[in-house]
Protein backbone atom coordinates (compact mmCIF):
# COMPACT_ATOMS: atom_id res chain seq x y z
CA MET A 1 134.75 48.65 158.24
CA ASN A 2 134.02 45.28 159.71
CA HIS A 3 130.28 45.20 160.35
CA ARG A 4 130.53 42.09 162.52
CA ILE A 5 132.54 43.92 165.19
CA TYR A 6 129.93 46.65 165.52
CA THR A 7 127.01 44.23 165.72
CA ARG A 8 128.73 42.20 168.45
CA LEU A 9 129.97 45.14 170.47
CA PRO A 10 126.58 46.19 171.92
CA ARG A 11 125.90 42.64 173.13
CA THR A 12 129.31 42.51 174.75
CA LEU A 13 128.74 45.84 176.44
CA ALA A 14 125.24 44.80 177.49
CA VAL A 15 126.81 42.01 179.53
CA ALA A 16 130.09 43.63 180.57
CA VAL A 17 128.80 46.98 181.81
CA PRO A 18 126.24 45.56 184.29
CA VAL A 19 128.78 43.02 185.58
CA VAL A 20 131.37 45.74 186.15
CA ALA A 21 128.75 47.93 187.83
CA ILE A 22 127.72 45.11 190.16
CA LEU A 23 131.34 44.31 191.06
CA ALA A 24 132.17 47.97 191.63
CA SER A 25 129.08 48.45 193.75
CA ALA A 26 129.88 45.41 195.85
CA ALA A 27 133.49 46.48 196.30
CA CYS A 28 132.62 50.02 197.30
CA SER A 29 129.69 49.43 199.59
CA THR A 30 130.13 48.09 203.07
CA THR A 31 127.80 48.69 205.94
CA ASP A 32 130.39 48.94 208.69
CA THR A 33 132.91 51.26 207.02
CA PRO A 34 132.26 55.00 207.21
CA VAL A 35 132.55 56.99 204.00
CA ALA A 36 135.68 59.13 203.94
CA ASN A 37 135.95 62.42 202.19
CA ALA A 38 138.99 63.39 200.14
CA SER A 39 140.53 65.44 202.94
CA SER A 40 140.48 62.56 205.42
CA THR A 41 141.94 59.78 203.26
CA THR A 42 145.58 58.82 203.45
CA SER A 43 147.80 57.02 201.01
CA ILE A 44 149.01 53.58 202.04
CA THR A 45 152.17 52.17 200.50
CA ALA A 46 152.75 48.46 200.06
CA THR A 47 155.02 48.31 203.09
CA GLN A 48 152.39 50.00 205.27
CA GLN A 49 149.46 47.78 204.30
CA PRO A 50 148.15 45.52 207.02
CA ALA A 51 148.45 41.80 206.48
CA ALA A 52 145.32 40.02 205.32
CA THR A 53 143.50 38.05 207.98
CA GLY A 54 141.92 34.67 207.45
CA ASP A 55 138.45 36.23 207.27
CA SER A 56 139.41 38.98 204.83
CA ALA A 57 138.52 38.82 201.16
CA ILE A 58 141.31 41.29 200.38
CA VAL A 59 144.89 40.24 199.81
CA THR A 60 147.78 42.67 199.97
CA GLN A 61 150.82 42.32 197.80
CA ASN A 62 154.35 43.67 198.11
CA ARG A 63 155.51 45.61 195.07
CA LEU A 64 158.86 46.98 194.06
CA SER A 65 158.93 50.78 194.01
CA ALA A 66 159.64 52.67 190.80
CA ASP A 67 162.73 54.23 192.38
CA ALA A 68 164.16 50.82 193.27
CA ALA A 69 163.38 49.49 189.79
CA VAL A 70 165.15 52.42 188.12
CA LYS A 71 168.16 51.97 190.43
CA ALA A 72 168.32 48.23 189.65
CA ALA A 73 168.00 48.78 185.89
CA GLY A 74 170.73 51.42 185.98
CA ALA A 75 173.08 49.18 187.94
CA ALA A 76 172.47 46.27 185.56
CA LEU A 77 173.22 48.42 182.51
CA ALA A 78 176.31 49.89 184.22
CA LYS A 79 177.64 46.35 184.82
CA CYS A 80 177.03 45.42 181.18
CA ARG A 81 178.76 48.60 179.99
CA ALA A 82 181.74 47.89 182.25
CA ASP A 83 181.95 44.45 180.66
CA GLY A 84 181.80 45.94 177.14
CA LEU A 85 178.17 44.88 176.67
CA GLY A 86 176.36 48.22 176.57
CA PHE A 87 174.16 47.05 173.68
CA VAL A 88 171.68 45.24 175.93
CA THR A 89 168.21 46.07 177.21
CA VAL A 90 167.31 45.79 180.90
CA SER A 91 163.72 45.31 182.07
CA VAL A 92 162.36 45.30 185.60
CA VAL A 93 158.85 43.90 185.88
CA ASP A 94 156.42 43.09 188.67
CA ARG A 95 155.28 39.55 189.33
CA ALA A 96 152.52 39.86 186.73
CA GLY A 97 154.98 40.96 184.05
CA ASN A 98 154.09 44.64 184.02
CA VAL A 99 157.11 46.78 183.23
CA ILE A 100 158.21 49.01 186.10
CA ALA A 101 161.44 50.21 184.47
CA MET A 102 163.21 49.55 181.20
CA VAL A 103 166.41 50.94 179.75
CA ARG A 104 167.68 50.17 176.29
CA GLY A 105 171.44 50.49 175.92
CA ASP A 106 173.09 52.24 173.01
CA ASN A 107 172.77 50.16 169.83
CA ALA A 108 170.64 47.48 171.51
CA ALA A 109 168.76 45.52 168.86
CA GLN A 110 164.96 45.52 168.88
CA HIS A 111 164.69 41.85 169.88
CA THR A 112 166.48 42.61 173.16
CA VAL A 113 163.51 44.64 174.37
CA GLU A 114 161.12 41.70 174.37
CA ALA A 115 163.77 39.18 175.42
CA SER A 116 164.67 41.19 178.52
CA ARG A 117 161.01 41.65 179.46
CA GLU A 118 160.21 37.96 179.02
CA LYS A 119 163.26 36.87 181.04
CA ALA A 120 162.28 39.27 183.82
CA TYR A 121 158.70 38.01 183.83
CA THR A 122 159.77 34.37 183.80
CA SER A 123 162.02 34.85 186.83
CA ALA A 124 159.39 36.87 188.69
CA ALA A 125 156.54 34.46 187.97
CA PHE A 126 158.49 31.32 188.87
CA GLY A 127 160.46 32.88 191.74
CA ALA A 128 163.80 31.65 190.43
CA ASP A 129 166.60 32.78 188.16
CA THR A 130 166.01 31.75 184.55
CA SER A 131 169.33 29.87 184.34
CA ASP A 132 168.02 27.60 187.12
CA LEU A 133 164.68 27.12 185.34
CA SER A 134 166.03 26.07 181.96
CA GLN A 135 166.22 22.39 182.94
CA ARG A 136 162.44 22.35 183.46
CA THR A 137 161.90 23.02 179.76
CA LYS A 138 163.36 19.73 178.65
CA GLY A 139 161.25 16.72 177.79
CA GLU A 140 158.87 15.43 175.21
CA GLY A 141 155.55 17.10 174.59
CA SER A 142 154.45 20.32 176.14
CA THR A 143 156.64 21.94 178.79
CA ILE A 144 156.59 25.18 180.72
CA ALA A 145 158.57 26.70 177.85
CA ASP A 146 155.30 26.69 175.90
CA LEU A 147 153.72 29.24 178.26
CA PRO A 148 153.16 32.54 176.43
CA GLY A 149 155.35 35.46 177.43
CA THR A 150 158.06 33.35 179.07
CA LEU A 151 161.68 32.88 178.04
CA PHE A 152 163.75 30.23 179.75
CA LEU A 153 167.19 31.49 178.77
CA ALA A 154 169.77 32.73 181.26
CA GLY A 155 169.50 36.44 181.97
CA GLY A 156 166.56 36.78 184.36
CA VAL A 157 166.85 37.08 188.14
CA THR A 158 164.10 37.17 190.71
CA LEU A 159 163.66 39.81 193.39
CA LYS A 160 162.22 38.54 196.65
CA ALA A 161 160.81 40.21 199.73
CA GLY A 162 161.11 37.57 202.40
CA ALA A 163 160.39 34.26 200.71
CA GLY A 164 158.05 35.62 198.04
CA SER A 165 158.94 36.80 194.56
CA ILE A 166 157.85 40.39 193.95
CA ALA A 167 159.63 41.28 190.71
CA GLY A 168 162.21 40.23 188.18
CA ILE A 169 165.11 41.80 186.32
CA GLY A 170 165.83 40.61 182.80
CA VAL A 171 168.73 41.45 180.52
CA GLY A 172 168.84 40.60 176.84
CA GLY A 173 171.43 41.16 174.16
CA ALA A 174 174.78 39.85 175.40
CA PRO A 175 176.37 37.09 173.31
CA ASP A 176 175.92 34.64 176.20
CA GLY A 177 172.99 34.34 178.58
CA MET A 178 175.23 34.04 181.61
CA GLN A 179 176.67 37.48 180.76
CA ASP A 180 173.08 38.80 180.70
CA GLN A 181 172.49 37.11 184.04
CA ALA A 182 175.61 38.63 185.63
CA CYS A 183 174.32 42.09 184.69
CA ALA A 184 170.84 41.34 186.04
CA ALA A 185 172.40 40.05 189.27
CA ALA A 186 174.31 43.34 189.61
CA GLY A 187 170.96 45.13 189.43
CA ARG A 188 169.58 42.88 192.15
CA ASP A 189 172.66 43.43 194.31
CA ALA A 190 172.24 47.21 194.00
CA ILE A 191 168.90 47.10 195.80
CA ALA A 192 169.24 43.92 197.87
CA SER A 193 169.57 45.76 201.19
CA SER A 194 166.25 47.52 200.65
CA LEU A 195 164.31 44.32 199.90
CA GLY A 196 164.27 43.15 203.50
């Protein structure tokens, strides 16, 4: 047992718990909003949320649905299989890099799991396909390629709603990154009409 962890934990909690309580209290208490009971609340999806106004402290964000992510991942893997590349992994992530859907093809190596996720995140975060971003990684000294969790190899495509990036599809495992990218693009094409 590491005694240092247990002696530091209470101090951390002593600071963190009150801060979380204050933030939660501030977020939940407003004077001009009536309290709703469970029977009167309704669920609001991302497409139904009102746009934030200039005076609002709340920002809404479009998100890709789980159904759309599964459809895109399936279409990307189907394209790879049709091309004889069924040993890839396909990841669909939101803009923050959280996995929405992932499918690992038959005999896909372990490294393809992380590679596909990182390509998807890179394309979602930067709002561009990873093949287009690779030129930004060149140069002396630190570059964007040094950012943790990113991978600037071809195989990641961005999903946009309007002009904003909302998600990314990444494919890893094909012998060439442009083959990965063609599969990811097939996933994007499968749901393009529903992105608006």
